[in-house]
């Protein structure tokens, strides 16, 4: 079995996507999988700069270690997230905003304070902190008994929000916390509104009042099933330019080879003939927002 796992890891290191069966095999063999996947992330920690052609293997490792709920993986991932902003932004790209919270919430299953330590660091990329907050809120939904602990952490974050070097941080923080109906934090949030620290484009007072009444689970994957990895993993592959079987998936569909374990990798073919796709230029997170606000896309409509 160990030899099979090593072969799958070698495949991942060559920037190829594992199949459904291979992912399942990795998840069922923690003792072998975790050290090998962790070593891939440790290599990133040792990087001085992000290579021009970023390999896919580290991102595969992030998602698989998330599926394995690896505490060791969380510690290594934290070291990567604590690197300078340019490094983190270049390494993760769009996955930083789309998928990182999914991995964080599962890696930190037994280390909730680790999420707070990420969220409180002013020097980190705001989207890293935002991902940690979202992961924290999802943990509140998954494990209601932790709500009191996270409310304590969020209270500290709210009280220090206006001191953040990034003016968008208070907006992001309150906008995310609003999902959990944070009636316990009403005083701290009201103070930020009174100081005009929260911009009206994030959430206004009326919306906040409504948010206090009922939690909103619409943006969260409240699912303890470890095999929900296929949903999030598909997102990661969808962002890649390297297309499996000549076909990219849409926002909601999943790659056939991940969903259907009966399909063998060499036999993967699109159900219909591929037609040329003409697409416009992709908006980068650091490009000007097309809405005309003058802000970077990641600080505006790309939040």
Protein backbone atom coordinates (compact mmCIF):
# COMPACT_ATOMS: atom_id res chain seq x y z
CA UNK A 1 0.00 0.00 0.00
CA UNK A 2 2.83 2.40 0.82
CA UNK A 3 4.24 1.94 -2.68
CA UNK A 4 0.87 2.91 -4.17
CA UNK A 5 0.71 6.05 -2.03
CA UNK A 6 4.24 7.02 -3.08
CA UNK A 7 3.27 6.62 -6.74
CA UNK A 8 0.29 8.95 -6.23
CA UNK A 9 2.48 11.52 -4.49
CA UNK A 10 4.99 11.31 -7.35
CA UNK A 11 2.12 11.94 -9.74
CA UNK A 12 1.07 15.01 -7.74
CA UNK A 13 4.67 16.25 -7.71
CA UNK A 14 4.62 16.10 -11.50
CA UNK A 15 1.68 18.56 -11.42
CA UNK A 16 -0.93 16.00 -12.41
CA UNK A 17 -4.31 15.70 -10.74
CA UNK A 18 -5.07 12.56 -8.71
CA UNK A 19 -8.20 10.62 -9.60
CA UNK A 20 -11.18 10.02 -7.33
CA UNK A 21 -9.85 6.60 -6.30
CA UNK A 22 -6.37 7.98 -5.66
CA UNK A 23 -7.71 10.76 -3.45
CA UNK A 24 -9.75 8.22 -1.50
CA UNK A 25 -6.66 6.06 -1.08
CA UNK A 26 -4.67 9.01 0.28
CA UNK A 27 -7.43 9.91 2.73
CA UNK A 28 -7.68 6.35 4.04
CA UNK A 29 -3.93 6.02 4.67
CA UNK A 30 -3.15 8.94 6.95
CA UNK A 31 0.05 7.56 8.42
CA UNK A 32 1.72 7.42 5.01
CA UNK A 33 -0.03 10.31 3.25
CA UNK A 34 0.40 13.08 5.82
CA UNK A 35 4.24 12.98 6.06
CA UNK A 36 4.64 12.85 2.27
CA UNK A 37 2.17 15.68 1.61
CA UNK A 38 3.64 17.71 4.47
CA UNK A 39 7.08 17.49 2.89
CA UNK A 40 5.69 19.14 -0.25
CA UNK A 41 4.53 22.11 1.84
CA UNK A 42 7.78 22.21 3.81
CA UNK A 43 9.58 22.79 0.54
CA UNK A 44 7.49 25.93 0.02
CA UNK A 45 8.46 27.19 3.48
CA UNK A 46 12.07 26.98 2.36
CA UNK A 47 11.45 29.00 -0.81
CA UNK A 48 12.99 32.46 -0.79
CA UNK A 49 10.82 33.64 -3.66
CA UNK A 50 7.87 32.25 -5.60
CA UNK A 51 9.03 30.67 -8.90
CA UNK A 52 7.72 32.19 -12.10
CA UNK A 53 6.02 28.90 -12.97
CA UNK A 54 4.32 27.87 -9.73
CA UNK A 55 3.98 24.08 -9.44
CA UNK A 56 0.54 22.67 -8.65
CA UNK A 57 1.84 20.11 -6.15
CA UNK A 58 1.82 22.42 -3.07
CA UNK A 59 -1.79 23.39 -3.70
CA UNK A 60 -2.76 19.74 -4.06
CA UNK A 61 -1.04 19.19 -0.71
CA UNK A 62 -3.03 22.03 0.92
CA UNK A 63 -6.34 20.51 -0.10
CA UNK A 64 -5.43 16.93 0.66
CA UNK A 65 -4.02 17.82 4.08
CA UNK A 66 -7.27 19.71 4.65
CA UNK A 67 -9.23 16.60 3.77
CA UNK A 68 -7.01 14.65 6.16
CA UNK A 69 -7.66 17.26 8.91
CA UNK A 70 -3.92 17.34 9.52
CA UNK A 71 -2.70 19.42 12.47
CA UNK A 72 0.85 19.13 11.16
CA UNK A 73 -0.39 20.45 7.82
CA UNK A 74 -1.94 23.46 9.56
CA UNK A 75 1.34 24.32 11.29
CA UNK A 76 3.26 24.19 8.01
CA UNK A 77 0.57 26.11 6.11
CA UNK A 78 0.66 28.81 8.82
CA UNK A 79 4.38 29.29 8.20
CA UNK A 80 3.64 29.87 4.51
CA UNK A 81 0.84 32.30 5.32
CA UNK A 82 3.16 34.21 7.67
CA UNK A 83 5.55 34.95 4.81
CA UNK A 84 5.47 38.45 3.29
CA UNK A 85 2.34 39.62 1.49
CA UNK A 86 3.78 39.56 -2.02
CA UNK A 87 4.93 35.97 -1.56
CA UNK A 88 1.52 34.82 -0.29
CA UNK A 89 -0.39 36.73 -2.96
CA UNK A 90 1.78 35.33 -5.75
CA UNK A 91 1.72 31.78 -4.42
CA UNK A 92 -2.00 31.40 -3.74
CA UNK A 93 -3.50 33.81 -6.28
CA UNK A 94 -7.27 33.44 -6.62
CA UNK A 95 -7.32 30.33 -4.45
CA UNK A 96 -6.60 32.65 -1.53
CA UNK A 97 -10.13 34.03 -1.69
CA UNK A 98 -11.99 31.08 -3.17
CA UNK A 99 -10.79 27.94 -1.43
CA UNK A 100 -8.31 28.55 1.39
CA UNK A 101 -10.97 28.76 4.16
CA UNK A 102 -12.12 25.22 3.34
CA UNK A 103 -8.65 23.83 4.01
CA UNK A 104 -8.08 26.01 7.08
CA UNK A 105 -11.29 25.04 8.86
CA UNK A 106 -10.46 21.35 8.56
CA UNK A 107 -6.74 21.52 9.31
CA UNK A 108 -7.51 23.61 12.39
CA UNK A 109 -10.27 21.28 13.58
CA UNK A 110 -8.45 20.76 16.88
CA UNK A 111 -6.60 24.09 16.88
CA UNK A 112 -9.24 26.85 16.83
CA UNK A 113 -6.87 29.31 18.46
CA UNK A 114 -4.54 28.86 15.49
CA UNK A 115 -7.15 30.54 13.28
CA UNK A 116 -7.31 33.49 15.66
CA UNK A 117 -3.52 33.83 15.61
CA UNK A 118 -3.68 34.21 11.83
CA UNK A 119 -6.59 36.65 11.88
CA UNK A 120 -5.03 38.97 14.48
CA UNK A 121 -1.72 39.59 12.66
CA UNK A 122 -1.90 43.04 11.09
CA UNK A 123 1.18 42.38 8.97
CA UNK A 124 -0.48 39.56 7.02
CA UNK A 125 -2.29 39.82 3.71
CA UNK A 126 -5.86 40.95 4.46
CA UNK A 127 -7.27 38.07 2.44
CA UNK A 128 -5.31 35.58 4.55
CA UNK A 129 -6.83 37.09 7.69
CA UNK A 130 -10.24 37.08 6.02
CA UNK A 131 -9.87 33.37 5.18
CA UNK A 132 -9.04 32.64 8.84
CA UNK A 133 -12.13 34.55 9.98
CA UNK A 134 -14.35 32.68 7.54
CA UNK A 135 -12.88 29.38 8.70
CA UNK A 136 -13.53 30.41 12.31
CA UNK A 137 -17.17 31.18 11.57
CA UNK A 138 -17.60 27.85 9.83
CA UNK A 139 -16.18 26.15 12.90
CA UNK A 140 -18.84 27.95 14.95
CA UNK A 141 -21.47 26.40 12.69
CA UNK A 142 -19.86 22.95 12.76
CA UNK A 143 -19.10 22.97 16.47
CA UNK A 144 -21.65 25.22 18.28
CA UNK A 145 -19.90 24.64 21.58
CA UNK A 146 -16.97 26.72 20.28
CA UNK A 147 -19.06 29.82 19.63
CA UNK A 148 -18.26 31.35 23.00
CA UNK A 149 -14.53 30.94 22.40
CA UNK A 150 -14.67 32.51 18.94
CA UNK A 151 -16.89 35.36 20.17
CA UNK A 152 -14.06 36.19 22.57
CA UNK A 153 -11.56 36.20 19.71
CA UNK A 154 -13.82 38.28 17.45
CA UNK A 155 -14.34 40.83 20.23
CA UNK A 156 -10.58 41.39 20.39
CA UNK A 157 -10.36 41.64 16.61
CA UNK A 158 -13.19 44.19 16.45
CA UNK A 159 -11.66 46.36 19.16
CA UNK A 160 -8.37 46.52 17.26
CA UNK A 161 -9.85 46.68 13.74
CA UNK A 162 -9.47 50.43 13.25
CA UNK A 163 -5.75 50.16 13.96
CA UNK A 164 -5.21 47.87 10.98
CA UNK A 165 -2.86 49.24 8.28
CA UNK A 166 -5.38 48.03 5.69
CA UNK A 167 -8.49 50.27 5.69
CA UNK A 168 -10.53 47.43 4.15
CA UNK A 169 -9.96 45.10 7.09
CA UNK A 170 -12.82 46.39 9.33
CA UNK A 171 -15.25 46.04 6.40
CA UNK A 172 -14.13 42.48 5.68
CA UNK A 173 -14.18 41.51 9.35
CA UNK A 174 -17.67 42.82 10.12
CA UNK A 175 -19.02 41.62 6.77
CA UNK A 176 -17.92 38.06 7.57
CA UNK A 177 -18.92 38.08 11.25
CA UNK A 178 -22.41 39.22 10.23
CA UNK A 179 -23.11 35.72 8.87
CA UNK A 180 -23.16 34.21 12.36
CA UNK A 181 -25.84 36.58 13.80
CA UNK A 182 -23.31 38.05 16.30
CA UNK A 183 -25.73 39.63 18.77
CA UNK A 184 -23.07 39.22 21.48
CA UNK A 185 -20.82 41.63 19.55
CA UNK A 186 -23.42 44.32 18.94
CA UNK A 187 -21.67 46.88 21.15
CA UNK A 188 -18.29 46.53 19.43
CA UNK A 189 -19.80 46.57 15.93
CA UNK A 190 -21.95 49.61 16.74
CA UNK A 191 -18.85 51.47 17.91
CA UNK A 192 -17.19 50.84 14.55
CA UNK A 193 -20.27 52.18 12.76
CA UNK A 194 -20.31 55.24 15.02
CA UNK A 195 -16.69 55.96 14.13
CA UNK A 196 -17.45 55.52 10.40
CA UNK A 197 -14.87 52.75 10.29
CA UNK A 198 -17.17 50.49 8.29
CA UNK A 199 -17.82 51.61 4.72
CA UNK A 200 -21.41 51.53 3.42
CA UNK A 201 -20.35 49.28 0.51
CA UNK A 202 -19.66 46.43 2.96
CA UNK A 203 -22.74 46.27 5.19
CA UNK A 204 -24.89 49.14 6.45
CA UNK A 205 -26.57 49.50 9.83
CA UNK A 206 -29.95 48.27 8.61
CA UNK A 207 -28.45 45.15 7.07
CA UNK A 208 -26.47 44.58 10.25
CA UNK A 209 -29.63 44.82 12.34
CA UNK A 210 -31.21 42.15 10.17
CA UNK A 211 -28.06 40.04 10.40
CA UNK A 212 -28.32 39.94 14.19
CA UNK A 213 -31.64 38.13 13.91
CA UNK A 214 -30.66 34.98 12.02
CA UNK A 215 -27.45 33.19 10.95
CA UNK A 216 -26.78 32.98 7.22
CA UNK A 217 -25.20 29.71 6.09
CA UNK A 218 -25.36 30.52 2.36
CA UNK A 219 -21.60 31.13 1.99
CA UNK A 220 -20.42 28.23 4.12
CA UNK A 221 -19.84 24.52 3.57
CA UNK A 222 -21.33 23.32 6.84
CA UNK A 223 -20.46 19.71 6.25
CA UNK A 224 -18.47 17.39 8.48
CA UNK A 225 -18.14 14.80 5.72
CA UNK A 226 -14.45 14.46 4.92
CA UNK A 227 -15.30 13.55 1.33
CA UNK A 228 -16.72 17.02 0.70
CA UNK A 229 -13.10 17.51 -0.42
CA UNK A 230 -14.32 16.74 -3.94
CA UNK A 231 -16.43 19.89 -4.00
CA UNK A 232 -13.60 22.18 -2.94
CA UNK A 233 -10.86 20.31 -4.79
CA UNK A 234 -12.75 20.75 -8.02
CA UNK A 235 -12.67 24.51 -7.47
CA UNK A 236 -8.90 24.39 -7.20
CA UNK A 237 -8.56 22.50 -10.45
CA UNK A 238 -11.01 24.82 -12.19
CA UNK A 239 -8.67 27.77 -11.55
CA UNK A 240 -5.75 25.99 -13.20
CA UNK A 241 -4.87 26.64 -16.84
CA UNK A 242 -3.89 23.00 -17.30
CA UNK A 243 -7.15 21.33 -18.30
CA UNK A 244 -7.84 17.67 -17.58
CA UNK A 245 -9.26 15.78 -20.52
CA UNK A 246 -9.54 19.00 -22.53
CA UNK A 247 -12.42 20.29 -20.44
CA UNK A 248 -12.74 22.82 -17.66
CA UNK A 249 -15.61 22.61 -15.24
CA UNK A 250 -18.04 25.39 -14.49
CA UNK A 251 -18.60 26.93 -11.10
CA UNK A 252 -20.97 24.23 -9.91
CA UNK A 253 -20.13 21.07 -11.87
CA UNK A 254 -17.25 18.81 -10.96
CA UNK A 255 -14.67 17.17 -13.15
CA UNK A 256 -15.92 13.78 -14.27
CA UNK A 257 -12.81 11.94 -13.23
CA UNK A 258 -13.16 13.21 -9.66
CA UNK A 259 -16.82 12.34 -9.32
CA UNK A 260 -17.03 8.99 -11.01
CA UNK A 261 -14.55 6.45 -9.64
CA UNK A 262 -15.53 4.00 -12.37
CA UNK A 263 -13.85 6.13 -15.03
CA UNK A 264 -10.21 5.25 -15.42
CA UNK A 265 -7.85 8.12 -16.01
CA UNK A 266 -6.60 7.17 -19.52
CA UNK A 267 -10.21 6.80 -20.69
CA UNK A 268 -11.32 10.32 -19.73
CA UNK A 269 -12.96 12.02 -22.66
CA UNK A 270 -15.44 14.90 -22.88
CA UNK A 271 -19.02 13.75 -23.33
CA UNK A 272 -19.41 16.11 -26.30
CA UNK A 273 -16.87 17.35 -28.86
CA UNK A 274 -14.90 20.28 -27.53
CA UNK A 275 -15.68 23.54 -29.26
CA UNK A 276 -13.19 26.40 -29.27
CA UNK A 277 -13.85 28.72 -26.35
CA UNK A 278 -13.32 32.40 -26.86
CA UNK A 279 -12.90 34.16 -23.58
CA UNK A 280 -11.93 37.64 -22.54
CA UNK A 281 -8.92 38.42 -20.39
CA UNK A 282 -9.16 37.20 -16.83
CA UNK A 283 -9.32 39.95 -14.22
CA UNK A 284 -6.36 39.61 -11.88
CA UNK A 285 -6.76 40.30 -8.18
CA UNK A 286 -4.38 43.26 -8.46
CA UNK A 287 -5.92 44.73 -11.64
CA UNK A 288 -8.14 47.84 -11.52
CA UNK A 289 -11.73 46.85 -10.76
CA UNK A 290 -13.90 46.96 -13.93
CA UNK A 291 -16.68 48.68 -11.99
CA UNK A 292 -14.70 51.92 -12.21
CA UNK A 293 -14.21 52.45 -8.46
CA UNK A 294 -10.48 53.05 -8.90
CA UNK A 295 -9.68 50.27 -6.41
CA UNK A 296 -7.88 47.03 -7.10
CA UNK A 297 -10.26 44.21 -8.05
CA UNK A 298 -9.38 42.26 -4.86
CA UNK A 299 -10.35 45.23 -2.70
CA UNK A 300 -13.64 45.88 -4.51
CA UNK A 301 -15.92 43.54 -6.47
CA UNK A 302 -13.45 40.68 -6.09
CA UNK A 303 -13.91 40.48 -2.31
